[in-house]
Every structure is written in C-alpha cells, then in structure tokens.
C-alpha cells in the first residue's frame, strides 16, 4: 500500500475533497530556545527578534532573511511607516509587506488593549493609536492581501500600503501623490 505525506501550513486552503481523504496531524512549533540556537547557527543575527517576527517559525524567519527582512530592519518598520518612508520595504515581495503590516496592526491593537505585542518589540511601537483606526486599517489590509500576488506595479502597491499605514497611525489624511 502506498502512502503520501501532505504538508500544509494552512489546511483550510486545501480543497475539501483532499482534506476529507487525509488524516490530520499537527506539528507543534519548536521550543523557543532550541529555535533561537538553530537560527544562530544559520547565521541569523538577533534570533529572538527574527523568531518573534516570524510568529515562532524558524524556517519562516530564515526565508524572511533571504528576502531581505532581517531583525534590524524589522524593529525599524513601525517608525518607517509612521513617517511614510518605504525604505527597505521596496525590495520585499508585496505579500511579505502586507503580512508585516498585518502583524504591526495586530500588535498595535494588542497594545491598545493593554496586552503585550506578539511580533514587534514593545519599545519600537508607537503609542496611543485609536482602536477604530486600527480596525479600519485591518479591513484594508485583508483586501490588500487578496491582491498581493497580482501583477500590478509592486512598488506602487508597497507605497500605497505604507501610506495607508501612516494614515492609520497618525490619523492624518494625506494628499494623493
């Protein structure tokens, strides 16, 4: 009898006909200390920041580093978007920029509720962003994720994402450029 192993990070993305023929087995994330030690051996600087940025997934952190997202850039993202600078985000894939913005939005929402952020160090996050603006931004980001792989001009998409983020963080209505 032949057996196949199917791995998926988002099982809900599989067709129901495939899911119904599979037996599910969830793999837990590795222990934080083990993951950080492994990441350090791979040459990733600041493995604690990179691991948090990837949601605790060391292979994702390594993939992000290969795409130009390192720990030192990660902690600068909130300030970059607050000031409307595209900076190093211009070289990232659009889907990675959208995912980064979603993580920033979630962390700011958690912070506004008095909770600890999950992805960004608390010290690099702006304070006092109203929840109503964060909710609107989150809705906009969900729509943007659906178009992240569209063959539109990537730099224009990224500039638009940064502008939306700046509006959400500052409340300022920015003139079209």
C-alpha atoms as a PDB file:
ATOM      1  CA  UNK A   1       0.000   0.000   0.000  1.00  0.00           C
ATOM      2  CA  UNK A   2       1.317   3.431  -0.916  1.00  0.00           C
ATOM      3  CA  UNK A   3       1.109   6.356   1.473  1.00  0.00           C
ATOM      4  CA  UNK A   4       1.627  10.016   0.792  1.00  0.00           C
ATOM      5  CA  UNK A   5       2.603  12.700   3.246  1.00  0.00           C
ATOM      6  CA  UNK A   6       0.974  16.038   2.537  1.00  0.00           C
ATOM      7  CA  UNK A   7       2.259  19.065   4.404  1.00  0.00           C
ATOM      8  CA  UNK A   8       0.324  22.321   4.569  1.00  0.00           C
ATOM      9  CA  UNK A   9       0.705  25.427   6.679  1.00  0.00           C
ATOM     10  CA  UNK A  10      -2.912  26.438   6.026  1.00  0.00           C
ATOM     11  CA  UNK A  11      -5.053  23.342   5.794  1.00  0.00           C
ATOM     12  CA  UNK A  12      -8.179  25.388   5.088  1.00  0.00           C
ATOM     13  CA  UNK A  13      -6.578  26.303   1.763  1.00  0.00           C
ATOM     14  CA  UNK A  14      -6.819  22.691   0.579  1.00  0.00           C
ATOM     15  CA  UNK A  15      -9.827  21.543  -1.395  1.00  0.00           C
ATOM     16  CA  UNK A  16     -12.455  19.791   0.742  1.00  0.00           C
ATOM     17  CA  UNK A  17     -12.140  16.653  -1.383  1.00  0.00           C
ATOM     18  CA  UNK A  18      -8.451  16.446  -0.489  1.00  0.00           C
ATOM     19  CA  UNK A  19      -8.976  17.265   3.201  1.00  0.00           C
ATOM     20  CA  UNK A  20     -11.646  14.580   3.519  1.00  0.00           C
ATOM     21  CA  UNK A  21      -9.163  11.914   2.397  1.00  0.00           C
ATOM     22  CA  UNK A  22      -6.409  12.981   4.789  1.00  0.00           C
ATOM     23  CA  UNK A  23      -5.656  12.171   8.361  1.00  0.00           C
ATOM     24  CA  UNK A  24      -4.613  15.306  10.198  1.00  0.00           C
ATOM     25  CA  UNK A  25      -1.543  15.538  12.385  1.00  0.00           C
ATOM     26  CA  UNK A  26      -0.487  18.858  13.844  1.00  0.00           C
ATOM     27  CA  UNK A  27       3.187  19.572  14.381  1.00  0.00           C
ATOM     28  CA  UNK A  28       3.929  21.997  17.194  1.00  0.00           C
ATOM     29  CA  UNK A  29       6.437  24.800  16.873  1.00  0.00           C
ATOM     30  CA  UNK A  30       9.882  24.057  18.277  1.00  0.00           C
ATOM     31  CA  UNK A  31      10.855  25.293  21.726  1.00  0.00           C
ATOM     32  CA  UNK A  32      11.944  28.941  21.588  1.00  0.00           C
ATOM     33  CA  UNK A  33      15.442  28.283  22.968  1.00  0.00           C
ATOM     34  CA  UNK A  34      16.054  25.434  20.522  1.00  0.00           C
ATOM     35  CA  UNK A  35      14.755  27.512  17.597  1.00  0.00           C
ATOM     36  CA  UNK A  36      16.908  30.514  18.515  1.00  0.00           C
ATOM     37  CA  UNK A  37      20.018  28.337  18.878  1.00  0.00           C
ATOM     38  CA  UNK A  38      19.360  26.783  15.460  1.00  0.00           C
ATOM     39  CA  UNK A  39      18.794  30.218  13.904  1.00  0.00           C
ATOM     40  CA  UNK A  40      22.060  31.494  15.403  1.00  0.00           C
ATOM     41  CA  UNK A  41      23.875  28.522  13.807  1.00  0.00           C
ATOM     42  CA  UNK A  42      22.315  29.539  10.478  1.00  0.00           C
ATOM     43  CA  UNK A  43      23.913  32.963  10.869  1.00  0.00           C
ATOM     44  CA  UNK A  44      20.778  34.956  11.620  1.00  0.00           C
ATOM     45  CA  UNK A  45      21.592  37.975  13.802  1.00  0.00           C
ATOM     46  CA  UNK A  46      19.234  38.693  16.706  1.00  0.00           C
ATOM     47  CA  UNK A  47      17.398  35.361  16.521  1.00  0.00           C
ATOM     48  CA  UNK A  48      14.923  36.339  19.262  1.00  0.00           C
ATOM     49  CA  UNK A  49      13.614  39.284  17.207  1.00  0.00           C
ATOM     50  CA  UNK A  50      13.600  37.272  13.957  1.00  0.00           C
ATOM     51  CA  UNK A  51      11.735  34.392  15.630  1.00  0.00           C
ATOM     52  CA  UNK A  52       9.070  36.712  17.048  1.00  0.00           C
ATOM     53  CA  UNK A  53       8.720  38.405  13.645  1.00  0.00           C
ATOM     54  CA  UNK A  54       8.013  35.032  12.038  1.00  0.00           C
ATOM     55  CA  UNK A  55       5.426  34.004  14.610  1.00  0.00           C
ATOM     56  CA  UNK A  56       7.748  31.453  16.209  1.00  0.00           C
ATOM     57  CA  UNK A  57       8.519  29.652  12.946  1.00  0.00           C
ATOM     58  CA  UNK A  58      12.303  29.375  12.466  1.00  0.00           C
ATOM     59  CA  UNK A  59      12.135  28.254   8.820  1.00  0.00           C
ATOM     60  CA  UNK A  60       9.927  31.230   8.037  1.00  0.00           C
ATOM     61  CA  UNK A  61      12.440  33.505   9.789  1.00  0.00           C
ATOM     62  CA  UNK A  62      15.215  32.061   7.624  1.00  0.00           C
ATOM     63  CA  UNK A  63      13.099  32.562   4.495  1.00  0.00           C
ATOM     64  CA  UNK A  64      12.356  36.157   5.533  1.00  0.00           C
ATOM     65  CA  UNK A  65      16.077  36.826   5.996  1.00  0.00           C
ATOM     66  CA  UNK A  66      16.689  35.565   2.453  1.00  0.00           C
ATOM     67  CA  UNK A  67      14.046  38.038   1.229  1.00  0.00           C
ATOM     68  CA  UNK A  68      15.793  40.963   2.928  1.00  0.00           C
ATOM     69  CA  UNK A  69      13.874  41.090   6.195  1.00  0.00           C
ATOM     70  CA  UNK A  70      16.404  40.987   8.998  1.00  0.00           C
ATOM     71  CA  UNK A  71      15.951  41.764  12.688  1.00  0.00           C
ATOM     72  CA  UNK A  72      17.482  45.240  12.494  1.00  0.00           C
ATOM     73  CA  UNK A  73      15.106  46.207   9.677  1.00  0.00           C
ATOM     74  CA  UNK A  74      12.143  44.615  11.454  1.00  0.00           C
ATOM     75  CA  UNK A  75      12.380  46.885  14.502  1.00  0.00           C
ATOM     76  CA  UNK A  76      12.558  49.938  12.189  1.00  0.00           C
ATOM     77  CA  UNK A  77       9.326  49.096  10.328  1.00  0.00           C
ATOM     78  CA  UNK A  78       6.948  50.910  12.728  1.00  0.00           C
ATOM     79  CA  UNK A  79       8.981  54.132  12.517  1.00  0.00           C
ATOM     80  CA  UNK A  80       9.307  53.832   8.738  1.00  0.00           C
ATOM     81  CA  UNK A  81       5.562  53.557   8.211  1.00  0.00           C
ATOM     82  CA  UNK A  82       4.823  56.208  10.849  1.00  0.00           C
ATOM     83  CA  UNK A  83       6.932  58.671   8.838  1.00  0.00           C
ATOM     84  CA  UNK A  84       5.707  57.394   5.457  1.00  0.00           C
ATOM     85  CA  UNK A  85       9.055  56.002   4.314  1.00  0.00           C
ATOM     86  CA  UNK A  86       9.116  52.958   2.060  1.00  0.00           C
ATOM     87  CA  UNK A  87      12.837  52.337   2.650  1.00  0.00           C
ATOM     88  CA  UNK A  88      13.840  48.665   2.591  1.00  0.00           C
ATOM     89  CA  UNK A  89      10.211  47.550   2.168  1.00  0.00           C
ATOM     90  CA  UNK A  90      10.505  48.484  -1.502  1.00  0.00           C
ATOM     91  CA  UNK A  91      12.639  45.387  -2.104  1.00  0.00           C
ATOM     92  CA  UNK A  92      10.316  42.929  -0.360  1.00  0.00           C
ATOM     93  CA  UNK A  93       7.598  40.884  -2.061  1.00  0.00           C
ATOM     94  CA  UNK A  94       4.207  42.606  -1.750  1.00  0.00           C
ATOM     95  CA  UNK A  95       2.743  39.660   0.190  1.00  0.00           C
ATOM     96  CA  UNK A  96       5.523  39.994   2.791  1.00  0.00           C
ATOM     97  CA  UNK A  97       4.843  43.724   3.163  1.00  0.00           C
ATOM     98  CA  UNK A  98       1.117  43.087   3.645  1.00  0.00           C
ATOM     99  CA  UNK A  99       1.825  40.335   6.200  1.00  0.00           C
ATOM    100  CA  UNK A 100       4.226  42.674   8.022  1.00  0.00           C
ATOM    101  CA  UNK A 101       1.602  45.414   8.127  1.00  0.00           C
ATOM    102  CA  UNK A 102      -0.960  42.924   9.441  1.00  0.00           C
ATOM    103  CA  UNK A 103       1.427  41.937  12.231  1.00  0.00           C
ATOM    104  CA  UNK A 104       2.046  45.583  13.061  1.00  0.00           C
ATOM    105  CA  UNK A 105      -1.693  46.266  13.123  1.00  0.00           C
ATOM    106  CA  UNK A 106      -2.293  43.277  15.418  1.00  0.00           C
ATOM    107  CA  UNK A 107       0.479  44.323  17.794  1.00  0.00           C
ATOM    108  CA  UNK A 108      -0.859  47.868  17.966  1.00  0.00           C
ATOM    109  CA  UNK A 109      -4.333  46.505  18.653  1.00  0.00           C
ATOM    110  CA  UNK A 110      -2.982  44.279  21.434  1.00  0.00           C
ATOM    111  CA  UNK A 111      -1.069  47.247  22.859  1.00  0.00           C
ATOM    112  CA  UNK A 112      -4.212  49.405  22.813  1.00  0.00           C
ATOM    113  CA  UNK A 113      -5.934  46.693  24.876  1.00  0.00           C
ATOM    114  CA  UNK A 114      -3.099  46.621  27.403  1.00  0.00           C
ATOM    115  CA  UNK A 115      -1.646  43.338  26.135  1.00  0.00           C
ATOM    116  CA  UNK A 116       1.920  42.531  25.125  1.00  0.00           C
ATOM    117  CA  UNK A 117       2.723  42.615  21.386  1.00  0.00           C
ATOM    118  CA  UNK A 118       3.456  39.296  19.653  1.00  0.00           C
ATOM    119  CA  UNK A 119       5.638  40.223  16.696  1.00  0.00           C
ATOM    120  CA  UNK A 120       7.388  43.545  17.368  1.00  0.00           C
ATOM    121  CA  UNK A 121       9.373  44.605  20.428  1.00  0.00           C
ATOM    122  CA  UNK A 122       7.110  46.863  22.522  1.00  0.00           C
ATOM    123  CA  UNK A 123       9.684  49.653  22.549  1.00  0.00           C
ATOM    124  CA  UNK A 124       9.522  50.220  18.793  1.00  0.00           C
ATOM    125  CA  UNK A 125       5.722  50.582  18.585  1.00  0.00           C
ATOM    126  CA  UNK A 126       4.017  53.986  18.529  1.00  0.00           C
ATOM    127  CA  UNK A 127       1.676  54.653  21.443  1.00  0.00           C
ATOM    128  CA  UNK A 128      -1.911  55.810  21.550  1.00  0.00           C
ATOM    129  CA  UNK A 129      -3.235  54.682  18.162  1.00  0.00           C
ATOM    130  CA  UNK A 130      -7.058  54.577  18.475  1.00  0.00           C
ATOM    131  CA  UNK A 131      -8.680  51.164  18.014  1.00  0.00           C
ATOM    132  CA  UNK A 132     -11.176  52.500  15.467  1.00  0.00           C
ATOM    133  CA  UNK A 133      -8.370  53.441  13.050  1.00  0.00           C
ATOM    134  CA  UNK A 134      -6.706  50.060  13.594  1.00  0.00           C
ATOM    135  CA  UNK A 135      -9.938  48.231  12.755  1.00  0.00           C
ATOM    136  CA  UNK A 136     -10.283  50.176   9.502  1.00  0.00           C
ATOM    137  CA  UNK A 137      -6.651  49.530   8.647  1.00  0.00           C
ATOM    138  CA  UNK A 138      -7.052  45.806   9.361  1.00  0.00           C
ATOM    139  CA  UNK A 139     -10.000  45.624   6.974  1.00  0.00           C
ATOM    140  CA  UNK A 140      -7.994  47.385   4.279  1.00  0.00           C
ATOM    141  CA  UNK A 141      -5.057  45.007   4.795  1.00  0.00           C
ATOM    142  CA  UNK A 142      -7.282  41.944   4.350  1.00  0.00           C
ATOM    143  CA  UNK A 143      -8.377  43.330   0.984  1.00  0.00           C
ATOM    144  CA  UNK A 144      -4.766  44.084   0.049  1.00  0.00           C
ATOM    145  CA  UNK A 145      -3.699  40.506   0.801  1.00  0.00           C
ATOM    146  CA  UNK A 146      -6.129  39.249  -1.840  1.00  0.00           C
ATOM    147  CA  UNK A 147      -4.279  41.338  -4.451  1.00  0.00           C
ATOM    148  CA  UNK A 148      -0.733  40.782  -3.172  1.00  0.00           C
ATOM    149  CA  UNK A 149       0.154  38.367  -5.974  1.00  0.00           C
ATOM    150  CA  UNK A 150      -1.465  40.444  -8.709  1.00  0.00           C
ATOM    151  CA  UNK A 151       0.948  41.595 -11.424  1.00  0.00           C
ATOM    152  CA  UNK A 152       0.426  45.256 -10.564  1.00  0.00           C
ATOM    153  CA  UNK A 153       3.401  47.541 -10.081  1.00  0.00           C
ATOM    154  CA  UNK A 154       4.855  46.180  -6.831  1.00  0.00           C
ATOM    155  CA  UNK A 155       6.472  49.448  -5.766  1.00  0.00           C
ATOM    156  CA  UNK A 156       3.193  51.341  -6.198  1.00  0.00           C
ATOM    157  CA  UNK A 157       1.393  48.706  -4.132  1.00  0.00           C
ATOM    158  CA  UNK A 158       4.010  48.967  -1.383  1.00  0.00           C
ATOM    159  CA  UNK A 159       3.905  52.776  -1.405  1.00  0.00           C
ATOM    160  CA  UNK A 160       0.116  52.596  -1.076  1.00  0.00           C
ATOM    161  CA  UNK A 161       0.413  50.170   1.845  1.00  0.00           C
ATOM    162  CA  UNK A 162       2.858  52.480   3.626  1.00  0.00           C
ATOM    163  CA  UNK A 163       0.567  55.463   3.022  1.00  0.00           C
ATOM    164  CA  UNK A 164      -2.408  53.559   4.466  1.00  0.00           C
ATOM    165  CA  UNK A 165      -0.315  52.581   7.473  1.00  0.00           C
ATOM    166  CA  UNK A 166       0.790  56.161   8.034  1.00  0.00           C
ATOM    167  CA  UNK A 167      -2.820  57.340   7.880  1.00  0.00           C
ATOM    168  CA  UNK A 168      -3.863  54.677  10.389  1.00  0.00           C
ATOM    169  CA  UNK A 169      -1.045  55.532  12.790  1.00  0.00           C
ATOM    170  CA  UNK A 170      -1.246  59.320  12.606  1.00  0.00           C
ATOM    171  CA  UNK A 171      -4.874  59.941  11.659  1.00  0.00           C
ATOM    172  CA  UNK A 172      -3.713  62.448   9.069  1.00  0.00           C
ATOM    173  CA  UNK A 173      -5.415  62.464   5.699  1.00  0.00           C
ATOM    174  CA  UNK A 174      -2.540  62.610   3.265  1.00  0.00           C
ATOM    175  CA  UNK A 175      -2.865  64.267  -0.144  1.00  0.00           C
ATOM    176  CA  UNK A 176      -2.616  61.955  -3.155  1.00  0.00           C
ATOM    177  CA  UNK A 177       0.835  61.910  -4.721  1.00  0.00           C
END
